[in-house]
Every structure is written in C-alpha cells, then in structure tokens.
Amino acid sequence: MERAGLLTRPRGHGFRLRSARAVPADTETRRGAEERRVSDEPVLAALLAEAGIGEDSSEARENLIGDAVATVLAAVGDAVTRLESVRLRRDVENAGFDNMWRA
C-alpha cells in the first residue's frame, strides 16, 4: 500500500524506522471516503459497524431491509472472521519461531 501511495510513514531525522506505524496518506480518494463515512449512509454505516470501524449502529442495521444487504453483511462477517483467524495463526507461528531461536 505504501508503493501505491495509500500509506506513508512519519519521517525522522534522516532515516526511516521500519517499526514506525504507517498512517493513511492524505489523498483525494481518502478525503472522498471520509466524506462518505461522515454522511451517515445507512448501508456504509452498517458495513463499517460489521467491520468493527466506528460506532456500532444497531439502529442503522434495523433500517436495512433486503436479501442483498444481508448477503453483503454476511460476507463481511465471514471475511472479518477469516482475517482474525489468519492474524491469530500468524501470531502463533511467529511466537513459535521466536521460541525456536531462543532455545
């Protein structure tokens, strides 16, 4: 994402730390996405709540009716669960690798 210009790292005194946290770049696309998020679109609000971003808007979920919305929310929920399992597996593998090198 850094190569695409979507993320940047804070600049230091002549060198960049790899451990420095990447932050979103201030691009036109990001500003547009932020405007959409602030506009309280009901479907977008429900998707963000399902992804764990922002507020949990149960009111927005109640207002959404339709199989298409339910299908999208189910797919997002499944993707979030898969991502969490991949992150957990990666953490376990990294901890095992660290333990192997310490032994």
PDB file of N, CA and C in Angstrom:
ATOM      1  N   MET A   1       0.811  -1.177   0.000  1.00  0.00           N
ATOM      2  CA  MET A   1       0.000   0.000   0.000  1.00  0.00           C
ATOM      3  C   MET A   1       0.869   1.260   0.000  1.00  0.00           C
ATOM      4  N   GLU A   2       2.075   1.121   0.554  1.00  0.00           N
ATOM      5  CA  GLU A   2       2.985   2.269   0.519  1.00  0.00           C
ATOM      6  C   GLU A   2       3.409   2.572  -0.911  1.00  0.00           C
ATOM      7  N   ARG A   3       3.674   1.533  -1.687  1.00  0.00           N
ATOM      8  CA  ARG A   3       4.085   1.745  -3.081  1.00  0.00           C
ATOM      9  C   ARG A   3       2.987   2.414  -3.888  1.00  0.00           C
ATOM     10  N   ALA A   4       1.729   2.089  -3.558  1.00  0.00           N
ATOM     11  CA  ALA A   4       0.603   2.684  -4.266  1.00  0.00           C
ATOM     12  C   ALA A   4       0.323   4.106  -3.792  1.00  0.00           C
ATOM     13  N   GLY A   5       1.003   4.541  -2.724  1.00  0.00           N
ATOM     14  CA  GLY A   5       0.813   5.887  -2.216  1.00  0.00           C
ATOM     15  C   GLY A   5      -0.348   6.028  -1.256  1.00  0.00           C
ATOM     16  N   LEU A   6      -0.888   4.898  -0.763  1.00  0.00           N
ATOM     17  CA  LEU A   6      -2.019   4.956   0.151  1.00  0.00           C
ATOM     18  C   LEU A   6      -1.592   5.091   1.607  1.00  0.00           C
ATOM     19  N   LEU A   7      -0.367   4.661   1.922  1.00  0.00           N
ATOM     20  CA  LEU A   7       0.160   4.760   3.280  1.00  0.00           C
ATOM     21  C   LEU A   7       1.499   5.478   3.259  1.00  0.00           C
ATOM     22  N   THR A   8       1.770   6.209   4.312  1.00  0.00           N
ATOM     23  CA  THR A   8       3.073   6.859   4.463  1.00  0.00           C
ATOM     24  C   THR A   8       3.577   6.589   5.870  1.00  0.00           C
ATOM     25  N   ARG A   9       4.870   6.715   6.054  1.00  0.00           N
ATOM     26  CA  ARG A   9       5.474   6.572   7.380  1.00  0.00           C
ATOM     27  C   ARG A   9       6.025   7.930   7.785  1.00  0.00           C
ATOM     28  N   PRO A  10       5.921   8.248   9.075  1.00  0.00           N
ATOM     29  CA  PRO A  10       6.481   9.527   9.529  1.00  0.00           C
ATOM     30  C   PRO A  10       7.974   9.593   9.250  1.00  0.00           C
ATOM     31  N   ARG A  11       8.429  10.742   8.841  1.00  0.00           N
ATOM     32  CA  ARG A  11       9.851  10.906   8.540  1.00  0.00           C
ATOM     33  C   ARG A  11      10.594  11.306   9.808  1.00  0.00           C
ATOM     34  N   GLY A  12      11.778  10.721   9.955  1.00  0.00           N
ATOM     35  CA  GLY A  12      12.601  11.009  11.132  1.00  0.00           C
ATOM     36  C   GLY A  12      13.716  11.967  10.788  1.00  0.00           C
ATOM     37  N   HIS A  13      14.813  11.838  11.486  1.00  0.00           N
ATOM     38  CA  HIS A  13      15.982  12.693  11.273  1.00  0.00           C
ATOM     39  C   HIS A  13      16.929  12.032  10.291  1.00  0.00           C
ATOM     40  N   GLY A  14      16.552  11.976   9.036  1.00  0.00           N
ATOM     41  CA  GLY A  14      17.447  11.441   8.023  1.00  0.00           C
ATOM     42  C   GLY A  14      17.265   9.964   7.724  1.00  0.00           C
ATOM     43  N   PHE A  15      16.569   9.226   8.567  1.00  0.00           N
ATOM     44  CA  PHE A  15      16.332   7.815   8.280  1.00  0.00           C
ATOM     45  C   PHE A  15      14.914   7.450   8.703  1.00  0.00           C
ATOM     46  N   ARG A  16      14.385   6.416   8.061  1.00  0.00           N
ATOM     47  CA  ARG A  16      13.031   5.970   8.360  1.00  0.00           C
ATOM     48  C   ARG A  16      13.096   4.711   9.201  1.00  0.00           C
ATOM     49  N   LEU A  17      12.328   4.680  10.241  1.00  0.00           N
ATOM     50  CA  LEU A  17      12.245   3.487  11.066  1.00  0.00           C
ATOM     51  C   LEU A  17      11.197   2.551  10.484  1.00  0.00           C
ATOM     52  N   ARG A  18      11.566   1.295  10.289  1.00  0.00           N
ATOM     53  CA  ARG A  18      10.601   0.323   9.777  1.00  0.00           C
ATOM     54  C   ARG A  18       9.524   0.036  10.812  1.00  0.00           C
ATOM     55  N   SER A  19       9.859   0.243  12.087  1.00  0.00           N
ATOM     56  CA  SER A  19       8.885  -0.029  13.131  1.00  0.00           C
ATOM     57  C   SER A  19       7.881   1.106  13.299  1.00  0.00           C
ATOM     58  N   ALA A  20       8.128   2.244  12.652  1.00  0.00           N
ATOM     59  CA  ALA A  20       7.195   3.360  12.756  1.00  0.00           C
ATOM     60  C   ALA A  20       5.878   2.976  12.094  1.00  0.00           C
ATOM     61  N   ARG A  21       4.799   3.312  12.735  1.00  0.00           N
ATOM     62  CA  ARG A  21       3.479   2.935  12.253  1.00  0.00           C
ATOM     63  C   ARG A  21       3.126   3.715  10.987  1.00  0.00           C
ATOM     64  N   ALA A  22       2.639   2.999   9.987  1.00  0.00           N
ATOM     65  CA  ALA A  22       2.219   3.632   8.743  1.00  0.00           C
ATOM     66  C   ALA A  22       0.874   4.321   8.969  1.00  0.00           C
ATOM     67  N   VAL A  23       0.717   5.476   8.380  1.00  0.00           N
ATOM     68  CA  VAL A  23      -0.521   6.236   8.503  1.00  0.00           C
ATOM     69  C   VAL A  23      -1.095   6.454   7.105  1.00  0.00           C
ATOM     70  N   PRO A  24      -2.417   6.594   6.998  1.00  0.00           N
ATOM     71  CA  PRO A  24      -3.014   6.824   5.681  1.00  0.00           C
ATOM     72  C   PRO A  24      -2.523   8.131   5.072  1.00  0.00           C
ATOM     73  N   ALA A  25      -2.219   8.082   3.790  1.00  0.00           N
ATOM     74  CA  ALA A  25      -1.780   9.283   3.075  1.00  0.00           C
ATOM     75  C   ALA A  25      -2.984  10.188   2.835  1.00  0.00           C
ATOM     76  N   ASP A  26      -2.754  11.469   2.786  1.00  0.00           N
ATOM     77  CA  ASP A  26      -3.820  12.432   2.551  1.00  0.00           C
ATOM     78  C   ASP A  26      -4.034  12.558   1.048  1.00  0.00           C
ATOM     79  N   THR A  27      -4.879  11.691   0.504  1.00  0.00           N
ATOM     80  CA  THR A  27      -5.157  11.688  -0.927  1.00  0.00           C
ATOM     81  C   THR A  27      -6.602  12.110  -1.176  1.00  0.00           C
ATOM     82  N   GLU A  28      -6.891  12.424  -2.416  1.00  0.00           N
ATOM     83  CA  GLU A  28      -8.253  12.794  -2.802  1.00  0.00           C
ATOM     84  C   GLU A  28      -9.219  11.636  -2.549  1.00  0.00           C
ATOM     85  N   THR A  29      -8.776  10.417  -2.826  1.00  0.00           N
ATOM     86  CA  THR A  29      -9.610   9.234  -2.609  1.00  0.00           C
ATOM     87  C   THR A  29      -9.942   9.073  -1.136  1.00  0.00           C
ATOM     88  N   ARG A  30      -8.955   9.257  -0.279  1.00  0.00           N
ATOM     89  CA  ARG A  30      -9.188   9.115   1.160  1.00  0.00           C
ATOM     90  C   ARG A  30     -10.129  10.200   1.667  1.00  0.00           C
ATOM     91  N   ARG A  31      -9.966  11.424   1.189  1.00  0.00           N
ATOM     92  CA  ARG A  31     -10.863  12.502   1.609  1.00  0.00           C
ATOM     93  C   ARG A  31     -12.294  12.211   1.167  1.00  0.00           C
ATOM     94  N   GLY A  32     -12.461  11.683  -0.047  1.00  0.00           N
ATOM     95  CA  GLY A  32     -13.797  11.323  -0.522  1.00  0.00           C
ATOM     96  C   GLY A  32     -14.420  10.214   0.307  1.00  0.00           C
ATOM     97  N   ALA A  33     -13.610   9.226   0.671  1.00  0.00           N
ATOM     98  CA  ALA A  33     -14.106   8.130   1.503  1.00  0.00           C
ATOM     99  C   ALA A  33     -14.500   8.639   2.885  1.00  0.00           C
ATOM    100  N   GLU A  34     -13.723   9.554   3.417  1.00  0.00           N
ATOM    101  CA  GLU A  34     -14.044  10.126   4.734  1.00  0.00           C
ATOM    102  C   GLU A  34     -15.344  10.919   4.671  1.00  0.00           C
ATOM    103  N   GLU A  35     -15.565  11.640   3.578  1.00  0.00           N
ATOM    104  CA  GLU A  35     -16.816  12.383   3.412  1.00  0.00           C
ATOM    105  C   GLU A  35     -18.006  11.436   3.349  1.00  0.00           C
ATOM    106  N   ARG A  36     -17.855  10.306   2.652  1.00  0.00           N
ATOM    107  CA  ARG A  36     -18.937   9.314   2.587  1.00  0.00           C
ATOM    108  C   ARG A  36     -19.206   8.721   3.964  1.00  0.00           C
ATOM    109  N   ARG A  37     -18.143   8.482   4.735  1.00  0.00           N
ATOM    110  CA  ARG A  37     -18.321   7.899   6.063  1.00  0.00           C
ATOM    111  C   ARG A  37     -19.070   8.870   6.975  1.00  0.00           C
ATOM    112  N   VAL A  38     -18.734  10.139   6.890  1.00  0.00           N
ATOM    113  CA  VAL A  38     -19.365  11.144   7.739  1.00  0.00           C
ATOM    114  C   VAL A  38     -20.813  11.396   7.322  1.00  0.00           C
ATOM    115  N   SER A  39     -21.160  11.142   6.066  1.00  0.00           N
ATOM    116  CA  SER A  39     -22.506  11.427   5.572  1.00  0.00           C
ATOM    117  C   SER A  39     -23.561  10.476   6.116  1.00  0.00           C
ATOM    118  N   ASP A  40     -23.161   9.466   6.874  1.00  0.00           N
ATOM    119  CA  ASP A  40     -24.086   8.516   7.514  1.00  0.00           C
ATOM    120  C   ASP A  40     -24.958   7.763   6.514  1.00  0.00           C
ATOM    121  N   GLU A  41     -24.368   7.284   5.433  1.00  0.00           N
ATOM    122  CA  GLU A  41     -25.101   6.410   4.529  1.00  0.00           C
ATOM    123  C   GLU A  41     -25.428   5.134   5.299  1.00  0.00           C
ATOM    124  N   PRO A  42     -26.680   4.689   5.305  1.00  0.00           N
ATOM    125  CA  PRO A  42     -27.056   3.559   6.157  1.00  0.00           C
ATOM    126  C   PRO A  42     -26.332   2.254   5.823  1.00  0.00           C
ATOM    127  N   VAL A  43     -26.177   1.939   4.546  1.00  0.00           N
ATOM    128  CA  VAL A  43     -25.506   0.690   4.176  1.00  0.00           C
ATOM    129  C   VAL A  43     -24.032   0.761   4.550  1.00  0.00           C
ATOM    130  N   LEU A  44     -23.396   1.876   4.257  1.00  0.00           N
ATOM    131  CA  LEU A  44     -21.986   2.044   4.596  1.00  0.00           C
ATOM    132  C   LEU A  44     -21.793   2.015   6.108  1.00  0.00           C
ATOM    133  N   ALA A  45     -22.699   2.640   6.859  1.00  0.00           N
ATOM    134  CA  ALA A  45     -22.605   2.626   8.324  1.00  0.00           C
ATOM    135  C   ALA A  45     -22.717   1.203   8.858  1.00  0.00           C
ATOM    136  N   ALA A  46     -23.617   0.403   8.285  1.00  0.00           N
ATOM    137  CA  ALA A  46     -23.762  -0.989   8.725  1.00  0.00           C
ATOM    138  C   ALA A  46     -22.523  -1.802   8.385  1.00  0.00           C
ATOM    139  N   LEU A  47     -21.956  -1.571   7.202  1.00  0.00           N
ATOM    140  CA  LEU A  47     -20.734  -2.292   6.819  1.00  0.00           C
ATOM    141  C   LEU A  47     -19.567  -1.920   7.729  1.00  0.00           C
ATOM    142  N   LEU A  48     -19.420  -0.643   8.033  1.00  0.00           N
ATOM    143  CA  LEU A  48     -18.347  -0.208   8.923  1.00  0.00           C
ATOM    144  C   LEU A  48     -18.533  -0.777  10.324  1.00  0.00           C
ATOM    145  N   ALA A  49     -19.777  -0.808  10.800  1.00  0.00           N
ATOM    146  CA  ALA A  49     -20.039  -1.376  12.123  1.00  0.00           C
ATOM    147  C   ALA A  49     -19.717  -2.866  12.136  1.00  0.00           C
ATOM    148  N   GLU A  50     -20.053  -3.565  11.068  1.00  0.00           N
ATOM    149  CA  GLU A  50     -19.763  -5.000  10.981  1.00  0.00           C
ATOM    150  C   GLU A  50     -18.261  -5.247  10.940  1.00  0.00           C
ATOM    151  N   ALA A  51     -17.533  -4.351  10.300  1.00  0.00           N
ATOM    152  CA  ALA A  51     -16.078  -4.493  10.216  1.00  0.00           C
ATOM    153  C   ALA A  51     -15.382  -4.027  11.487  1.00  0.00           C
ATOM    154  N   GLY A  52     -16.140  -3.453  12.422  1.00  0.00           N
ATOM    155  CA  GLY A  52     -15.556  -3.004  13.676  1.00  0.00           C
ATOM    156  C   GLY A  52     -14.936  -1.627  13.596  1.00  0.00           C
ATOM    157  N   ILE A  53     -15.349  -0.844  12.613  1.00  0.00           N
ATOM    158  CA  ILE A  53     -14.819   0.507  12.433  1.00  0.00           C
ATOM    159  C   ILE A  53     -15.915   1.491  12.827  1.00  0.00           C
ATOM    160  N   GLY A  54     -15.596   2.395  13.703  1.00  0.00           N
ATOM    161  CA  GLY A  54     -16.571   3.400  14.104  1.00  0.00           C
ATOM    162  C   GLY A  54     -17.550   2.871  15.124  1.00  0.00           C
ATOM    163  N   GLU A  55     -18.722   3.478  15.158  1.00  0.00           N
ATOM    164  CA  GLU A  55     -19.737   3.140  16.143  1.00  0.00           C
ATOM    165  C   GLU A  55     -20.531   1.922  15.703  1.00  0.00           C
ATOM    166  N   ASP A  56     -21.039   1.173  16.691  1.00  0.00           N
ATOM    167  CA  ASP A  56     -21.908   0.038  16.405  1.00  0.00           C
ATOM    168  C   ASP A  56     -23.321   0.574  16.264  1.00  0.00           C
ATOM    169  N   SER A  57     -23.751   0.748  15.051  1.00  0.00           N
ATOM    170  CA  SER A  57     -25.041   1.364  14.789  1.00  0.00           C
ATOM    171  C   SER A  57     -26.099   0.294  14.578  1.00  0.00           C
ATOM    172  N   SER A  58     -26.678  -0.202  15.670  1.00  0.00           N
ATOM    173  CA  SER A  58     -27.729  -1.207  15.543  1.00  0.00           C
ATOM    174  C   SER A  58     -28.976  -0.591  14.930  1.00  0.00           C
ATOM    175  N   GLU A  59     -29.159   0.716  15.119  1.00  0.00           N
ATOM    176  CA  GLU A  59     -30.296   1.402  14.517  1.00  0.00           C
ATOM    177  C   GLU A  59     -30.187   1.377  12.997  1.00  0.00           C
ATOM    178  N   ALA A  60     -28.987   1.573  12.472  1.00  0.00           N
ATOM    179  CA  ALA A  60     -28.791   1.530  11.019  1.00  0.00           C
ATOM    180  C   ALA A  60     -29.049   0.129  10.496  1.00  0.00           C
ATOM    181  N   ARG A  61     -28.661  -0.887  11.253  1.00  0.00           N
ATOM    182  CA  ARG A  61     -28.900  -2.265  10.826  1.00  0.00           C
ATOM    183  C   ARG A  61     -30.388  -2.575  10.774  1.00  0.00           C
ATOM    184  N   GLU A  62     -31.145  -2.058  11.741  1.00  0.00           N
ATOM    185  CA  GLU A  62     -32.579  -2.325  11.771  1.00  0.00           C
ATOM    186  C   GLU A  62     -33.291  -1.694  10.587  1.00  0.00           C
ATOM    187  N   ASN A  63     -32.791  -0.564  10.108  1.00  0.00           N
ATOM    188  CA  ASN A  63     -33.423   0.135   8.993  1.00  0.00           C
ATOM    189  C   ASN A  63     -33.148  -0.528   7.645  1.00  0.00           C
ATOM    190  N   LEU A  64     -32.137  -1.385   7.574  1.00  0.00           N
ATOM    191  CA  LEU A  64     -31.790  -2.022   6.314  1.00  0.00           C
ATOM    192  C   LEU A  64     -32.654  -3.255   6.100  1.00  0.00           C
ATOM    193  N   ILE A  65     -33.272  -3.303   4.948  1.00  0.00           N
ATOM    194  CA  ILE A  65     -34.121  -4.441   4.624  1.00  0.00           C
ATOM    195  C   ILE A  65     -33.684  -4.945   3.262  1.00  0.00           C
ATOM    196  N   GLY A  66     -33.625  -6.268   3.117  1.00  0.00           N
ATOM    197  CA  GLY A  66     -33.316  -6.832   1.816  1.00  0.00           C
ATOM    198  C   GLY A  66     -32.292  -7.934   1.899  1.00  0.00           C
ATOM    199  N   ASP A  67     -32.454  -8.883   0.982  1.00  0.00           N
ATOM    200  CA  ASP A  67     -31.543 -10.020   0.943  1.00  0.00           C
ATOM    201  C   ASP A  67     -30.145  -9.606   0.504  1.00  0.00           C
ATOM    202  N   ALA A  68     -30.053  -8.626  -0.376  1.00  0.00           N
ATOM    203  CA  ALA A  68     -28.739  -8.207  -0.865  1.00  0.00           C
ATOM    204  C   ALA A  68     -27.900  -7.638   0.276  1.00  0.00           C
ATOM    205  N   VAL A  69     -28.502  -6.829   1.117  1.00  0.00           N
ATOM    206  CA  VAL A  69     -27.779  -6.239   2.242  1.00  0.00           C
ATOM    207  C   VAL A  69     -27.372  -7.320   3.227  1.00  0.00           C
ATOM    208  N   ALA A  70     -28.280  -8.256   3.507  1.00  0.00           N
ATOM    209  CA  ALA A  70     -27.963  -9.356   4.425  1.00  0.00           C
ATOM    210  C   ALA A  70     -26.828 -10.205   3.872  1.00  0.00           C
ATOM    211  N   THR A  71     -26.828 -10.430   2.560  1.00  0.00           N
ATOM    212  CA  THR A  71     -25.761 -11.211   1.932  1.00  0.00           C
ATOM    213  C   THR A  71     -24.420 -10.500   2.054  1.00  0.00           C
ATOM    214  N   VAL A  72     -24.410  -9.201   1.810  1.00  0.00           N
ATOM    215  CA  VAL A  72     -23.164  -8.435   1.916  1.00  0.00           C
ATOM    216  C   VAL A  72     -22.664  -8.433   3.353  1.00  0.00           C
ATOM    217  N   LEU A  73     -23.556  -8.217   4.315  1.00  0.00           N
ATOM    218  CA  LEU A  73     -23.145  -8.209   5.717  1.00  0.00           C
ATOM    219  C   LEU A  73     -22.639  -9.574   6.158  1.00  0.00           C
ATOM    220  N   ALA A  74     -23.252 -10.648   5.664  1.00  0.00           N
ATOM    221  CA  ALA A  74     -22.772 -11.993   5.993  1.00  0.00           C
ATOM    222  C   ALA A  74     -21.387 -12.224   5.405  1.00  0.00           C
ATOM    223  N   ALA A  75     -21.168 -11.761   4.176  1.00  0.00           N
ATOM    224  CA  ALA A  75     -19.852 -11.912   3.550  1.00  0.00           C
ATOM    225  C   ALA A  75     -18.794 -11.108   4.299  1.00  0.00           C
ATOM    226  N   VAL A  76     -19.144  -9.911   4.734  1.00  0.00           N
ATOM    227  CA  VAL A  76     -18.201  -9.094   5.503  1.00  0.00           C
ATOM    228  C   VAL A  76     -17.888  -9.764   6.831  1.00  0.00           C
ATOM    229  N   GLY A  77     -18.910 -10.292   7.490  1.00  0.00           N
ATOM    230  CA  GLY A  77     -18.691 -11.001   8.750  1.00  0.00           C
ATOM    231  C   GLY A  77     -17.787 -12.198   8.573  1.00  0.00           C
ATOM    232  N   ASP A  78     -17.986 -12.941   7.485  1.00  0.00           N
ATOM    233  CA  ASP A  78     -17.134 -14.094   7.189  1.00  0.00           C
ATOM    234  C   ASP A  78     -15.699 -13.653   6.919  1.00  0.00           C
ATOM    235  N   ALA A  79     -15.538 -12.576   6.170  1.00  0.00           N
ATOM    236  CA  ALA A  79     -14.194 -12.076   5.865  1.00  0.00           C
ATOM    237  C   ALA A  79     -13.480 -11.604   7.131  1.00  0.00           C
ATOM    238  N   VAL A  80     -14.207 -10.953   8.027  1.00  0.00           N
ATOM    239  CA  VAL A  80     -13.612 -10.493   9.283  1.00  0.00           C
ATOM    240  C   VAL A  80     -13.171 -11.687  10.118  1.00  0.00           C
ATOM    241  N   THR A  81     -13.997 -12.729  10.160  1.00  0.00           N
ATOM    242  CA  THR A  81     -13.644 -13.938  10.912  1.00  0.00           C
ATOM    243  C   THR A  81     -12.412 -14.600  10.323  1.00  0.00           C
ATOM    244  N   ARG A  82     -12.345 -14.699   9.009  1.00  0.00           N
ATOM    245  CA  ARG A  82     -11.169 -15.299   8.359  1.00  0.00           C
ATOM    246  C   ARG A  82      -9.913 -14.472   8.618  1.00  0.00           C
ATOM    247  N   LEU A  83     -10.034 -13.165   8.522  1.00  0.00           N
ATOM    248  CA  LEU A  83      -8.887 -12.294   8.774  1.00  0.00           C
ATOM    249  C   LEU A  83      -8.390 -12.456  10.203  1.00  0.00           C
ATOM    250  N   GLU A  84      -9.312 -12.536  11.140  1.00  0.00           N
ATOM    251  CA  GLU A  84      -8.922 -12.725  12.538  1.00  0.00           C
ATOM    252  C   GLU A  84      -8.202 -14.053  12.733  1.00  0.00           C
ATOM    253  N   SER A  85      -8.682 -15.105  12.059  1.00  0.00           N
ATOM    254  CA  SER A  85      -8.025 -16.411  12.206  1.00  0.00           C
ATOM    255  C   SER A  85      -6.631 -16.399  11.579  1.00  0.00           C
ATOM    256  N   VAL A  86      -6.465 -15.704  10.464  1.00  0.00           N
ATOM    257  CA  VAL A  86      -5.141 -15.604   9.839  1.00  0.00           C
ATOM    258  C   VAL A  86      -4.188 -14.832  10.745  1.00  0.00           C
ATOM    259  N   ARG A  87      -4.672 -13.750  11.336  1.00  0.00           N
ATOM    260  CA  ARG A  87      -3.830 -12.980  12.259  1.00  0.00           C
ATOM    261  C   ARG A  87      -3.431 -13.816  13.473  1.00  0.00           C
ATOM    262  N   LEU A  88      -4.367 -14.581  14.017  1.00  0.00           N
ATOM    263  CA  LEU A  88      -4.070 -15.432  15.164  1.00  0.00           C
ATOM    264  C   LEU A  88      -3.046 -16.494  14.792  1.00  0.00           C
ATOM    265  N   ARG A  89      -3.237 -17.127  13.625  1.00  0.00           N
ATOM    266  CA  ARG A  89      -2.290 -18.146  13.178  1.00  0.00           C
ATOM    267  C   ARG A  89      -0.899 -17.546  12.991  1.00  0.00           C
ATOM    268  N   ARG A  90      -0.830 -16.354  12.404  1.00  0.00           N
ATOM    269  CA  ARG A  90       0.457 -15.692  12.188  1.00  0.00           C
ATOM    270  C   ARG A  90       1.135 -15.377  13.524  1.00  0.00           C
ATOM    271  N   ASP A  91       0.356 -14.923  14.504  1.00  0.00           N
ATOM    272  CA  ASP A  91       0.923 -14.642  15.827  1.00  0.00           C
ATOM    273  C   ASP A  91       1.474 -15.908  16.474  1.00  0.00           C
ATOM    274  N   VAL A  92       0.741 -17.019  16.350  1.00  0.00           N
ATOM    275  CA  VAL A  92       1.202 -18.289  16.920  1.00  0.00           C
ATOM    276  C   VAL A  92       2.467 -18.754  16.212  1.00  0.00           C
ATOM    277  N   GLU A  93       2.506 -18.653  14.888  1.00  0.00           N
ATOM    278  CA  GLU A  93       3.697 -19.060  14.135  1.00  0.00           C
ATOM    279  C   GLU A  93       4.901 -18.195  14.502  1.00  0.00           C
ATOM    280  N   ASN A  94       4.697 -16.900  14.623  1.00  0.00           N
ATOM    281  CA  ASN A  94       5.803 -16.008  14.995  1.00  0.00           C
ATOM    282  C   ASN A  94       6.306 -16.300  16.402  1.00  0.00           C
ATOM    283  N   ALA A  95       5.388 -16.576  17.323  1.00  0.00           N
ATOM    284  CA  ALA A  95       5.800 -16.906  18.689  1.00  0.00           C
ATOM    285  C   ALA A  95       6.583 -18.215  18.705  1.00  0.00           C
ATOM    286  N   GLY A  96       6.134 -19.198  17.922  1.00  0.00           N
ATOM    287  CA  GLY A  96       6.866 -20.464  17.835  1.00  0.00           C
ATOM    288  C   GLY A  96       8.246 -20.275  17.237  1.00  0.00           C
ATOM    289  N   PHE A  97       8.350 -19.446  16.218  1.00  0.00           N
ATOM    290  CA  PHE A  97       9.644 -19.175  15.592  1.00  0.00           C
ATOM    291  C   PHE A  97      10.580 -18.491  16.583  1.00  0.00           C
ATOM    292  N   ASP A  98      10.040 -17.516  17.330  1.00  0.00           N
ATOM    293  CA  ASP A  98      10.856 -16.835  18.344  1.00  0.00           C
ATOM    294  C   ASP A  98      11.328 -17.807  19.415  1.00  0.00           C
ATOM    295  N   ASN A  99      10.441 -18.696  19.851  1.00  0.00           N
ATOM    296  CA  ASN A  99      10.820 -19.682  20.866  1.00  0.00           C
ATOM    297  C   ASN A  99      11.889 -20.627  20.350  1.00  0.00           C
ATOM    298  N   MET A 100      11.806 -20.990  19.072  1.00  0.00           N
ATOM    299  CA  MET A 100      12.793 -21.894  18.489  1.00  0.00           C
ATOM    300  C   MET A 100      14.178 -21.236  18.500  1.00  0.00           C
ATOM    301  N   TRP A 101      14.241 -19.941  18.189  1.00  0.00           N
ATOM    302  CA  TRP A 101      15.530 -19.252  18.159  1.00  0.00           C
ATOM    303  C   TRP A 101      16.091 -19.018  19.556  1.00  0.00           C
ATOM    304  N   ARG A 102      15.215 -18.893  20.540  1.00  0.00           N
ATOM    305  CA  ARG A 102      15.679 -18.707  21.913  1.00  0.00           C
ATOM    306  C   ARG A 102      16.253 -19.987  22.504  1.00  0.00           C
ATOM    307  N   ALA A 103      15.780 -21.135  22.029  1.00  0.00           N
ATOM    308  CA  ALA A 103      16.209 -22.423  22.604  1.00  0.00           C
ATOM    309  C   ALA A 103      17.574 -22.803  22.201  1.00  0.00           C
TER     310      ALA A 103
END
